[in-house]
Protein backbone atom coordinates (compact mmCIF):
# COMPACT_ATOMS: atom_id res chain seq x y z
CA MET A 1 19.01 -85.64 46.72
CA THR A 2 21.50 -84.52 48.95
CA GLN A 3 23.99 -83.93 45.55
CA VAL A 4 21.21 -82.16 43.59
CA SER A 5 20.07 -80.28 46.23
CA GLY A 6 23.74 -78.85 46.69
CA LYS A 7 24.22 -78.47 42.95
CA LEU A 8 20.65 -76.41 42.98
CA ILE A 9 21.77 -74.01 45.34
CA GLU A 10 25.10 -73.38 43.83
CA VAL A 11 23.33 -72.50 40.50
CA LEU A 12 21.25 -70.41 42.79
CA ASP A 13 23.79 -68.77 44.49
CA LYS A 14 26.03 -67.95 41.04
CA ALA A 15 22.25 -66.58 39.76
CA VAL A 16 22.06 -64.72 42.66
CA LYS A 17 25.06 -63.10 42.78
CA ARG A 18 25.20 -62.08 38.95
CA ASN A 19 22.14 -59.47 39.76
CA ILE A 20 24.03 -58.25 42.51
CA GLN A 21 26.44 -55.24 41.78
CA GLU A 22 26.25 -52.97 44.91
CA GLU A 23 27.39 -53.21 48.06
CA ASN A 24 23.94 -52.92 49.40
CA VAL A 25 20.79 -54.30 48.30
CA GLY A 26 16.84 -54.73 49.21
CA VAL A 27 14.93 -58.39 49.13
CA LEU A 28 11.27 -58.34 49.20
CA LEU A 29 10.90 -60.50 52.11
CA SER A 30 7.69 -62.44 53.21
CA GLY A 31 9.18 -65.10 55.30
CA GLY A 32 8.28 -67.62 52.65
CA LEU A 33 10.66 -70.34 51.17
CA ASP A 34 11.46 -67.96 47.86
CA SER A 35 12.03 -64.78 49.98
CA THR A 36 13.73 -66.01 52.53
CA LEU A 37 16.17 -68.07 50.44
CA VAL A 38 17.18 -65.35 47.66
CA ALA A 39 17.67 -62.96 51.15
CA VAL A 40 19.99 -65.89 52.21
CA LEU A 41 22.39 -66.10 49.46
CA ALA A 42 22.16 -62.02 49.00
CA SER A 43 23.81 -62.34 52.23
CA ARG A 44 26.90 -64.33 51.10
CA HIS A 45 27.56 -61.40 48.50
CA SER A 46 25.68 -57.67 49.93
CA GLN A 47 24.75 -55.90 52.77
CA VAL A 48 21.46 -57.20 53.05
CA THR A 49 18.14 -55.31 54.14
CA GLY A 50 14.63 -57.32 54.12
CA TYR A 51 11.69 -55.16 53.37
CA THR A 52 8.26 -56.64 54.78
CA THR A 53 4.98 -54.43 54.02
CA GLY A 54 2.10 -56.28 55.89
CA THR A 55 -0.71 -54.47 58.10
CA GLY A 56 -0.10 -55.21 62.23
CA LYS A 57 -1.86 -58.31 62.40
CA SER A 58 -0.47 -59.73 58.98
CA GLU A 59 1.03 -63.48 58.88
CA ASP A 60 3.97 -62.28 56.75
CA VAL A 61 4.94 -59.82 59.66
CA SER A 62 4.97 -61.61 62.46
CA HIS A 63 6.32 -64.29 60.62
CA VAL A 64 9.48 -62.33 59.65
CA ARG A 65 9.61 -61.07 62.72
CA LYS A 66 10.13 -64.27 64.62
CA LEU A 67 12.79 -65.43 61.51
CA SER A 68 14.45 -61.78 62.07
CA LYS A 69 15.64 -63.58 65.07
CA LYS A 70 17.64 -66.46 63.35
CA LEU A 71 18.80 -64.66 60.12
CA ASP A 72 21.54 -62.01 60.33
CA ILE A 73 19.45 -59.87 57.77
CA LYS A 74 18.57 -56.24 58.81
CA LEU A 75 15.03 -56.19 58.86
CA GLU A 76 12.10 -53.10 57.94
CA ILE A 77 8.68 -53.35 58.44
CA ILE A 78 6.86 -50.92 56.33
CA GLU A 79 2.95 -51.02 58.12
CA LEU A 80 0.01 -51.13 55.93
CA THR A 81 -2.80 -49.47 56.84
CA LEU A 82 -6.71 -48.80 55.61
CA ASP A 83 -6.42 -44.97 55.52
CA ASP A 84 -2.96 -45.05 53.79
CA LEU A 85 -3.96 -47.28 51.42
CA ARG A 86 -7.33 -45.15 50.81
CA GLU A 87 -5.49 -42.01 49.48
CA LYS A 88 -2.37 -44.38 47.62
CA LEU A 89 -4.55 -46.70 45.75
CA PRO A 90 -5.91 -45.04 42.72
CA HIS A 91 -1.98 -44.19 41.93
CA ILE A 92 -1.74 -48.11 42.75
CA VAL A 93 -4.22 -49.40 40.02
CA SER A 94 -3.06 -46.30 37.64
CA LEU A 95 0.33 -48.71 37.76
CA ALA A 96 -0.87 -52.58 38.27
CA GLY A 97 -4.79 -52.21 36.49
CA THR A 98 -8.18 -53.62 38.05
CA ASN A 99 -7.83 -57.08 38.40
CA PRO A 100 -8.34 -57.76 42.68
CA VAL A 101 -5.46 -60.21 42.18
CA LYS A 102 -2.90 -58.06 40.83
CA VAL A 103 -3.79 -55.17 42.22
CA GLY A 104 -3.28 -56.91 45.84
CA ALA A 105 0.03 -58.37 44.80
CA SER A 106 0.89 -55.31 43.57
CA ILE A 107 0.46 -53.26 47.08
CA PRO A 108 3.07 -54.67 48.82
CA LEU A 109 6.07 -54.03 46.35
CA TYR A 110 4.42 -50.39 45.57
CA TYR A 111 5.02 -49.72 49.48
CA VAL A 112 8.44 -50.85 49.88
CA THR A 113 9.21 -49.01 46.50
CA ARG A 114 8.27 -45.68 48.70
CA ARG A 115 10.49 -46.76 51.74
CA VAL A 116 14.17 -48.48 49.94
CA SER A 117 16.97 -46.69 50.03
CA GLU A 118 19.07 -49.61 48.08
CA LYS A 119 18.98 -48.83 44.13
CA THR A 120 18.21 -52.70 43.71
CA LEU A 121 15.84 -54.89 44.99
CA LEU A 122 16.11 -58.58 44.44
CA SER A 123 12.43 -61.03 44.81
CA GLY A 124 11.96 -64.58 45.16
CA GLN A 125 9.29 -64.40 41.88
CA GLY A 126 9.95 -67.57 39.33
CA ALA A 127 10.12 -69.90 42.21
CA ASP A 128 6.71 -71.71 42.38
CA GLU A 129 6.51 -71.93 38.32
CA LEU A 130 10.10 -73.33 38.23
CA PHE A 131 8.82 -75.93 41.71
CA GLY A 132 5.62 -76.27 41.15
CA GLY A 133 4.61 -74.03 44.04
CA TYR A 134 0.96 -73.16 43.36
CA HIS A 135 -1.82 -75.08 44.34
CA LYS A 136 -3.00 -75.23 40.67
CA TYR A 137 -0.51 -77.83 39.90
CA LEU A 138 -1.17 -80.16 41.96
CA GLU A 139 -4.72 -80.59 39.58
CA VAL A 140 -2.89 -81.16 36.75
CA LEU A 141 -1.07 -83.84 38.32
CA ALA A 142 -3.94 -85.42 38.66
CA LYS A 143 -5.32 -85.40 35.38
CA LYS A 144 -2.10 -85.47 32.95
CA GLY A 145 0.52 -86.88 35.09
CA TYR A 146 4.32 -85.49 35.78
CA GLN A 147 4.52 -85.40 31.98
CA GLY A 148 1.98 -82.52 32.10
CA LEU A 149 2.94 -80.64 35.29
CA GLN A 150 6.45 -80.22 33.36
CA GLU A 151 4.54 -78.69 30.62
CA ALA A 152 2.60 -76.55 32.52
CA THR A 153 5.37 -75.44 34.46
CA ALA A 154 7.55 -74.73 31.68
CA GLY A 155 4.73 -72.88 29.73
CA ASP A 156 3.86 -70.44 32.92
CA VAL A 157 7.90 -69.39 33.41
CA LYS A 158 7.13 -68.30 29.64
CA ALA A 159 4.49 -66.37 30.60
CA MET A 160 6.02 -64.89 33.75
CA TYR A 161 7.01 -61.87 32.14
CA LYS A 162 3.30 -60.48 30.78
CA GLU A 163 1.49 -61.85 34.33
CA ASN A 164 4.05 -60.50 36.46
CA LEU A 165 6.81 -59.20 36.11
CA GLU A 166 6.00 -56.17 33.50
CA ARG A 167 3.66 -54.79 36.34
CA GLU A 168 6.40 -54.92 39.00
CA GLU A 169 8.95 -53.27 37.00
CA ARG A 170 6.62 -50.69 35.78
CA ILE A 171 5.97 -49.62 39.35
CA CYS A 172 9.67 -49.87 40.35
CA THR A 173 11.11 -47.80 37.22
CA GLU A 174 8.79 -45.19 38.45
CA ARG A 175 11.11 -44.64 41.48
CA GLY A 176 14.52 -45.46 39.74
CA LEU A 177 14.31 -48.65 41.45
CA ASP A 178 16.22 -51.82 39.43
CA ILE A 179 14.10 -55.21 40.51
CA ARG A 180 15.76 -58.37 39.87
CA TYR A 181 14.50 -62.28 40.27
CA PRO A 182 17.35 -64.20 40.29
CA PHE A 183 15.08 -67.84 40.30
CA MET A 184 14.68 -66.03 36.39
CA ASP A 185 18.19 -65.92 35.33
CA PRO A 186 18.36 -68.05 32.00
CA GLU A 187 20.96 -70.33 33.44
CA PHE A 188 18.98 -71.08 36.46
CA ILE A 189 16.03 -71.29 34.53
CA LYS A 190 17.58 -73.95 32.24
CA TYR A 191 19.49 -75.95 35.19
CA SER A 192 15.45 -76.05 36.70
CA LEU A 193 13.61 -77.11 33.51
CA SER A 194 16.04 -79.91 33.85
CA LEU A 195 15.13 -82.03 36.63
CA ASP A 196 12.85 -84.72 37.41
CA PRO A 197 9.47 -83.27 38.16
CA LEU A 198 8.83 -86.31 40.79
CA GLU A 199 11.08 -84.44 42.83
CA LYS A 200 8.97 -80.80 42.53
CA ILE A 201 5.65 -81.90 43.62
CA LYS A 202 6.98 -85.38 45.82
CA ASP A 203 4.66 -87.97 46.37
CA ILE A 204 6.01 -88.50 49.83
CA GLY A 205 3.52 -91.71 51.23
CA SER A 206 4.03 -92.16 54.57
CA GLY A 207 7.07 -89.65 55.20
CA SER A 208 7.23 -86.74 57.24
CA GLU A 209 10.17 -84.61 56.35
CA PHE A 210 8.09 -81.98 55.84
CA SER A 211 4.79 -81.14 57.29
CA CYS A 212 3.58 -78.92 54.85
CA ILE A 213 1.29 -81.58 52.63
CA ASP A 214 -1.12 -81.66 50.54
CA GLU A 215 -3.51 -84.55 50.67
CA VAL A 216 -4.67 -85.18 47.03
CA ASP A 217 -6.43 -88.93 46.57
CA GLY A 218 -5.40 -90.42 49.44
CA ARG A 219 -1.83 -89.31 48.00
CA ARG A 220 0.29 -86.99 49.86
CA TYR A 221 2.24 -84.32 48.27
CA VAL A 222 4.95 -81.72 49.31
CA ARG A 223 4.65 -78.65 46.61
CA LYS A 224 8.45 -77.93 45.91
CA TYR A 225 10.03 -80.44 47.32
CA LEU A 226 13.38 -80.10 46.20
CA LEU A 227 13.91 -76.84 46.51
CA ARG A 228 13.04 -77.10 50.35
CA ARG A 229 15.80 -79.70 50.03
CA ALA A 230 18.06 -77.41 48.72
CA ALA A 231 16.82 -74.49 51.25
CA GLN A 232 17.70 -77.32 54.08
CA HIS A 233 21.18 -77.66 52.73
CA ALA A 234 21.71 -73.78 52.22
CA GLY A 235 21.22 -74.25 56.48
CA LEU A 236 17.30 -72.21 56.32
CA PRO A 237 14.97 -72.97 59.58
CA PRO A 238 12.12 -75.39 59.54
CA GLU A 239 9.48 -73.30 60.39
CA VAL A 240 10.66 -71.21 56.85
CA LEU A 241 11.09 -74.72 55.25
CA ASP A 242 7.65 -75.82 56.52
CA ARG A 243 5.98 -72.83 55.28
CA LYS A 244 2.71 -73.47 52.76
CA LYS A 245 2.30 -70.68 49.65
CA LYS A 246 0.85 -67.76 50.82
CA ALA A 247 0.09 -65.05 48.02
CA ALA A 248 1.66 -61.89 49.09
CA GLN A 249 -2.34 -59.63 48.77
CA TYR A 250 -2.98 -62.47 51.59
CA GLY A 251 0.25 -62.68 53.55
CA SER A 252 0.22 -58.98 54.22
CA GLY A 253 -3.38 -58.67 55.00
CA ALA A 254 -3.31 -56.22 51.45
CA HIS A 255 -6.53 -58.32 50.42
CA LYS A 256 -8.55 -57.64 53.62
CA LEU A 257 -8.12 -53.93 53.13
CA LEU A 258 -8.73 -54.05 49.66
CA ILE A 259 -12.82 -55.82 50.69
CA LYS A 260 -12.69 -52.90 53.57
CA LEU A 261 -12.77 -50.11 51.25
CA ALA A 262 -14.74 -52.03 48.95
CA LYS A 263 -17.17 -52.57 51.42
CA GLU A 264 -17.10 -48.96 53.11
CA GLN A 265 -18.32 -47.95 49.28
CA GLY A 266 -21.20 -50.25 49.08
CA PHE A 267 -19.86 -52.02 46.19
CA ARG A 268 -20.67 -55.68 47.81
CA GLU A 269 -24.33 -53.96 47.74
CA LYS A 270 -23.90 -52.39 44.29
CA ALA A 271 -22.46 -55.71 42.74
CA ARG A 272 -25.47 -57.46 44.09
CA LYS A 273 -27.89 -55.69 42.44
CA ALA A 274 -26.28 -55.78 39.92
CA ASP A 275 -26.60 -59.67 40.07
CA LYS A 276 -22.79 -59.41 39.49
CA LYS A 277 -20.51 -61.73 41.73
CA HIS A 278 -17.11 -59.74 41.93
CA TYR A 279 -17.56 -56.32 43.37
CA LEU A 280 -13.99 -55.88 43.56
CA SER A 281 -13.35 -55.57 40.59
CA MET A 282 -16.23 -53.11 40.55
CA PHE A 283 -15.05 -50.97 42.73
CA LEU A 284 -11.13 -50.73 41.36
CA LYS A 285 -12.79 -50.06 38.00
CA LYS A 286 -14.02 -46.89 39.43
CA ILE A 287 -11.37 -45.60 40.91
């Protein structure tokens, strides 16, 4: 396993290096496994600034502040407030559409593009698809086994551009920025898809190597196990290695602000009267 972890970091490090062409580069940093690993590897080849967006009490901001003391990376925190989001939301919707999940996920990136001084941004997108990071993959594993997991992750990797990257590129291009995805580097994708899926979502039995454990039907799994081992090999601290997946809209607090904006305009009540559950969708479509 140590040999595989070392090889994985070697291949990813080369992918990161290929995506850096300047002396200074920005990284979208949530403090999670994927973005932190990209930031640490990028710091080997460039001067890195990590950009984190969130409300004052958000999990991402709190986590990154603690993490900055252990990582040799410059950090910029961009505060997300209700009043400011109220003003900017129409423009965000014009770029991201009206799907609440996609709008919420786009908000942190949108704010970073208004602050970043570098020409290139690196993102950790793609790691969840390649290494089984989403909770839905546990359901796939339970129903279809590891072969089904391999097929599901490979399919999601192919769909990445239309599902997420196209939208993010649109937000960045408007500001003259180049966003790059080391995990989506063709050589890294090829290598990652060749790895044993049993090591991506690993049944750890009674093991306790990592604390980010999901229990399903009496079994104990660690999602992105192989990537966590590789990150451990690269020297990332335990608070990163053990952190569970937290989508950008939740970790930043953006989703809560969207809910507040929708409620203050009465959309929860409007949805109830219209016998609809998705009041956020109604709200965003009216912007």
